[in-house]
C-alpha atoms as a PDB file:
ATOM      1  CA  MET A   1      -5.502  10.316   8.341  1.00  0.00           C
ATOM      2  CA  ALA A   2      -6.406   7.818  11.064  1.00  0.00           C
ATOM      3  CA  ARG A   3      -5.957   4.108  10.495  1.00  0.00           C
ATOM      4  CA  PRO A   4      -9.155   2.135   9.962  1.00  0.00           C
ATOM      5  CA  LYS A   5     -10.318   0.147  12.975  1.00  0.00           C
ATOM      6  CA  LYS A   6      -9.500  -3.551  12.851  1.00  0.00           C
ATOM      7  CA  THR A   7     -12.314  -6.024  13.449  1.00  0.00           C
ATOM      8  CA  LYS A   8     -11.687  -8.029  16.619  1.00  0.00           C
ATOM      9  CA  ARG A   9     -12.480 -11.730  16.953  1.00  0.00           C
ATOM     10  CA  VAL A  10     -14.913 -12.429  19.819  1.00  0.00           C
ATOM     11  CA  CYS A  11     -15.896 -15.924  20.976  1.00  0.00           C
ATOM     12  CA  SER A  12     -19.471 -15.085  22.011  1.00  0.00           C
ATOM     13  CA  LEU A  13     -21.713 -12.265  23.120  1.00  0.00           C
ATOM     14  CA  PRO A  14     -22.236 -11.801  26.867  1.00  0.00           C
ATOM     15  CA  GLU A  15     -25.264 -13.586  28.312  1.00  0.00           C
ATOM     16  CA  ASN A  16     -26.164 -10.402  30.201  1.00  0.00           C
ATOM     17  CA  ASN A  17     -25.543  -6.990  28.735  1.00  0.00           C
ATOM     18  CA  LEU A  18     -26.921  -4.682  31.423  1.00  0.00           C
ATOM     19  CA  TYR A  19     -25.527  -4.240  34.946  1.00  0.00           C
ATOM     20  CA  GLY A  20     -26.167  -1.621  37.532  1.00  0.00           C
ATOM     21  CA  PRO A  21     -27.191  -0.585  41.010  1.00  0.00           C
ATOM     22  CA  ILE A  22     -30.094  -2.338  42.702  1.00  0.00           C
ATOM     23  CA  GLN A  23     -31.497   0.934  43.998  1.00  0.00           C
ATOM     24  CA  ILE A  24     -32.269   3.137  41.017  1.00  0.00           C
ATOM     25  CA  ASN A  25     -31.756   6.863  41.439  1.00  0.00           C
ATOM     26  CA  ARG A  26     -34.439   8.712  39.449  1.00  0.00           C
ATOM     27  CA  HIS A  27     -32.057  11.578  38.787  1.00  0.00           C
ATOM     28  CA  GLN A  28     -29.385   9.274  37.386  1.00  0.00           C
ATOM     29  CA  GLN A  29     -30.115   9.169  33.662  1.00  0.00           C
ATOM     30  CA  GLU A  30     -26.606   8.588  32.362  1.00  0.00           C
ATOM     31  CA  ASP A  31     -25.407   5.116  31.391  1.00  0.00           C
ATOM     32  CA  VAL A  32     -21.895   3.826  30.749  1.00  0.00           C
ATOM     33  CA  PHE A  33     -21.467   1.945  27.458  1.00  0.00           C
ATOM     34  CA  MET A  34     -18.885  -0.829  27.128  1.00  0.00           C
ATOM     35  CA  THR A  35     -18.166  -2.378  23.741  1.00  0.00           C
ATOM     36  CA  VAL A  36     -18.323  -6.127  23.172  1.00  0.00           C
ATOM     37  CA  GLU A  37     -14.563  -6.258  22.564  1.00  0.00           C
ATOM     38  CA  GLU A  38     -13.927  -4.456  25.869  1.00  0.00           C
ATOM     39  CA  TYR A  39     -16.040  -7.130  27.550  1.00  0.00           C
ATOM     40  CA  GLU A  40     -14.098  -9.867  25.723  1.00  0.00           C
ATOM     41  CA  VAL A  41     -10.736  -8.436  26.816  1.00  0.00           C
ATOM     42  CA  MET A  42     -11.933  -8.316  30.443  1.00  0.00           C
ATOM     43  CA  ARG A  43     -13.181 -11.909  30.134  1.00  0.00           C
ATOM     44  CA  ILE A  44      -9.905 -13.192  28.697  1.00  0.00           C
ATOM     45  CA  LEU A  45      -7.551 -11.278  31.006  1.00  0.00           C
ATOM     46  CA  ASP A  46      -9.439 -11.268  34.298  1.00  0.00           C
ATOM     47  CA  TYR A  47     -11.777 -14.268  34.125  1.00  0.00           C
ATOM     48  CA  GLU A  48      -9.646 -16.669  32.063  1.00  0.00           C
ATOM     49  CA  GLY A  49      -6.449 -15.338  33.680  1.00  0.00           C
ATOM     50  CA  LEU A  50      -4.435 -15.169  30.471  1.00  0.00           C
ATOM     51  CA  ASN A  51      -1.831 -12.568  29.570  1.00  0.00           C
ATOM     52  CA  GLN A  52      -2.139  -9.703  27.115  1.00  0.00           C
ATOM     53  CA  GLU A  53      -0.139 -11.517  24.434  1.00  0.00           C
ATOM     54  CA  ALA A  54      -2.572 -14.464  24.421  1.00  0.00           C
ATOM     55  CA  CYS A  55      -5.495 -12.042  24.446  1.00  0.00           C
ATOM     56  CA  ALA A  56      -4.057 -10.142  21.482  1.00  0.00           C
ATOM     57  CA  GLN A  57      -3.678 -13.387  19.553  1.00  0.00           C
ATOM     58  CA  ALA A  58      -7.269 -14.368  20.365  1.00  0.00           C
ATOM     59  CA  LEU A  59      -8.685 -11.044  19.183  1.00  0.00           C
ATOM     60  CA  GLY A  60      -6.355 -10.790  16.193  1.00  0.00           C
ATOM     61  CA  VAL A  61      -4.874  -7.424  17.216  1.00  0.00           C
ATOM     62  CA  ALA A  62      -1.617  -6.033  18.631  1.00  0.00           C
ATOM     63  CA  ARG A  63      -0.800  -6.329  22.343  1.00  0.00           C
ATOM     64  CA  SER A  64      -0.773  -2.530  22.643  1.00  0.00           C
ATOM     65  CA  THR A  65      -4.357  -2.496  21.332  1.00  0.00           C
ATOM     66  CA  VAL A  66      -5.360  -4.970  24.038  1.00  0.00           C
ATOM     67  CA  GLN A  67      -3.767  -2.713  26.681  1.00  0.00           C
ATOM     68  CA  ARG A  68      -5.716   0.298  25.393  1.00  0.00           C
ATOM     69  CA  ILE A  69      -8.999  -1.633  25.272  1.00  0.00           C
ATOM     70  CA  TYR A  70      -8.387  -3.011  28.794  1.00  0.00           C
ATOM     71  CA  ASP A  71      -7.644   0.451  30.205  1.00  0.00           C
ATOM     72  CA  ASN A  72     -10.852   1.822  28.652  1.00  0.00           C
ATOM     73  CA  ALA A  73     -12.907  -1.070  30.033  1.00  0.00           C
ATOM     74  CA  ARG A  74     -11.520  -0.651  33.558  1.00  0.00           C
ATOM     75  CA  GLN A  75     -12.269   3.082  33.477  1.00  0.00           C
ATOM     76  CA  LYS A  76     -15.868   2.395  32.442  1.00  0.00           C
ATOM     77  CA  ILE A  77     -16.379  -0.212  35.164  1.00  0.00           C
ATOM     78  CA  ALA A  78     -14.955   2.169  37.772  1.00  0.00           C
ATOM     79  CA  ASP A  79     -17.240   4.971  36.567  1.00  0.00           C
ATOM     80  CA  SER A  80     -20.244   2.639  36.805  1.00  0.00           C
ATOM     81  CA  ILE A  81     -19.419   1.440  40.324  1.00  0.00           C
ATOM     82  CA  VAL A  82     -18.272   4.742  41.838  1.00  0.00           C
ATOM     83  CA  ASN A  83     -21.043   6.870  40.335  1.00  0.00           C
ATOM     84  CA  GLY A  84     -23.859   4.309  40.490  1.00  0.00           C
ATOM     85  CA  LYS A  85     -24.425   4.259  36.738  1.00  0.00           C
ATOM     86  CA  ARG A  86     -25.817   1.391  34.713  1.00  0.00           C
ATOM     87  CA  LEU A  87     -23.268  -0.431  32.542  1.00  0.00           C
ATOM     88  CA  LYS A  88     -24.491  -1.530  29.112  1.00  0.00           C
ATOM     89  CA  ILE A  89     -22.483  -3.817  26.841  1.00  0.00           C
ATOM     90  CA  GLN A  90     -23.166  -3.167  23.180  1.00  0.00           C
ATOM     91  CA  GLY A  91     -21.602  -2.302  19.842  1.00  0.00           C
ATOM     92  CA  GLY A  92     -18.002  -2.221  18.735  1.00  0.00           C
ATOM     93  CA  ASP A  93     -15.868  -3.507  15.874  1.00  0.00           C
ATOM     94  CA  TYR A  94     -16.019  -7.275  16.280  1.00  0.00           C
ATOM     95  CA  LYS A  95     -16.899 -10.482  14.510  1.00  0.00           C
ATOM     96  CA  LEU A  96     -18.026 -13.646  16.312  1.00  0.00           C
ATOM     97  CA  CYS A  97     -15.999 -16.860  15.958  1.00  0.00           C
ATOM     98  CA  SER A  98     -19.098 -18.511  14.502  1.00  0.00           C
ATOM     99  CA  ASP A  99     -19.170 -15.906  11.701  1.00  0.00           C
ATOM    100  CA  PHE A 100     -15.720 -16.919  10.462  1.00  0.00           C
ATOM    101  CA  ASP A 101     -15.244 -19.465   7.699  1.00  0.00           C
ATOM    102  CA  GLU A 102     -16.041 -22.968   8.998  1.00  0.00           C
ATOM    103  CA  LYS A 103     -12.834 -24.197   7.309  1.00  0.00           C
ATOM    104  CA  VAL A 104     -10.899 -21.989   9.724  1.00  0.00           C
ATOM    105  CA  PRO A 105     -12.334 -22.927  13.142  1.00  0.00           C
ATOM    106  CA  CYS A 106     -11.517 -20.998  16.257  1.00  0.00           C
ATOM    107  CA  LYS A 107      -8.030 -22.129  17.308  1.00  0.00           C
ATOM    108  CA  ILE A 108      -8.270 -20.542  20.715  1.00  0.00           C
ATOM    109  CA  ASN A 109      -8.089 -23.196  23.455  1.00  0.00           C
ATOM    110  CA  PHE A 110      -9.991 -21.022  25.920  1.00  0.00           C
ATOM    111  CA  CYS A 111     -12.746 -20.088  23.446  1.00  0.00           C
ATOM    112  CA  TYR A 112     -16.015 -19.727  25.332  1.00  0.00           C
ATOM    113  CA  LYS A 113     -17.973 -21.016  22.338  1.00  0.00           C
ATOM    114  CA  LYS A 114     -15.874 -24.221  22.200  1.00  0.00           C
ATOM    115  CA  ARG A 115     -16.644 -24.954  25.850  1.00  0.00           C
ATOM    116  CA  GLN A 116     -20.387 -24.490  25.224  1.00  0.00           C
ATOM    117  CA  ASP A 117     -20.267 -26.954  22.293  1.00  0.00           C
ATOM    118  CA  GLU A 118     -18.509 -29.695  24.312  1.00  0.00           C
END
């Protein structure tokens, strides 16, 4: 029996959740779907420039899980760019920092939500 999926901690939802080619191909009906936690891993690793260990701590998962999520996200971005498909960010197994108990605030120094509040 497969292990249940662990809920990942995400600082905030993306401001934009749809990306794609400027010129729309009428025959192109297929979209690529990226989960919110895949977006968060890309944000932490590539935008924030942190390592997988720090990312794993932020999401509350194992480093190997971060590597798997990152590989999936990169594959989806490549598919979107190479094949001219729209990329939609939605769904996944996550919980926002703001949904956690206020007594246990987000301890992540690079938390996007913390920077917005400052």
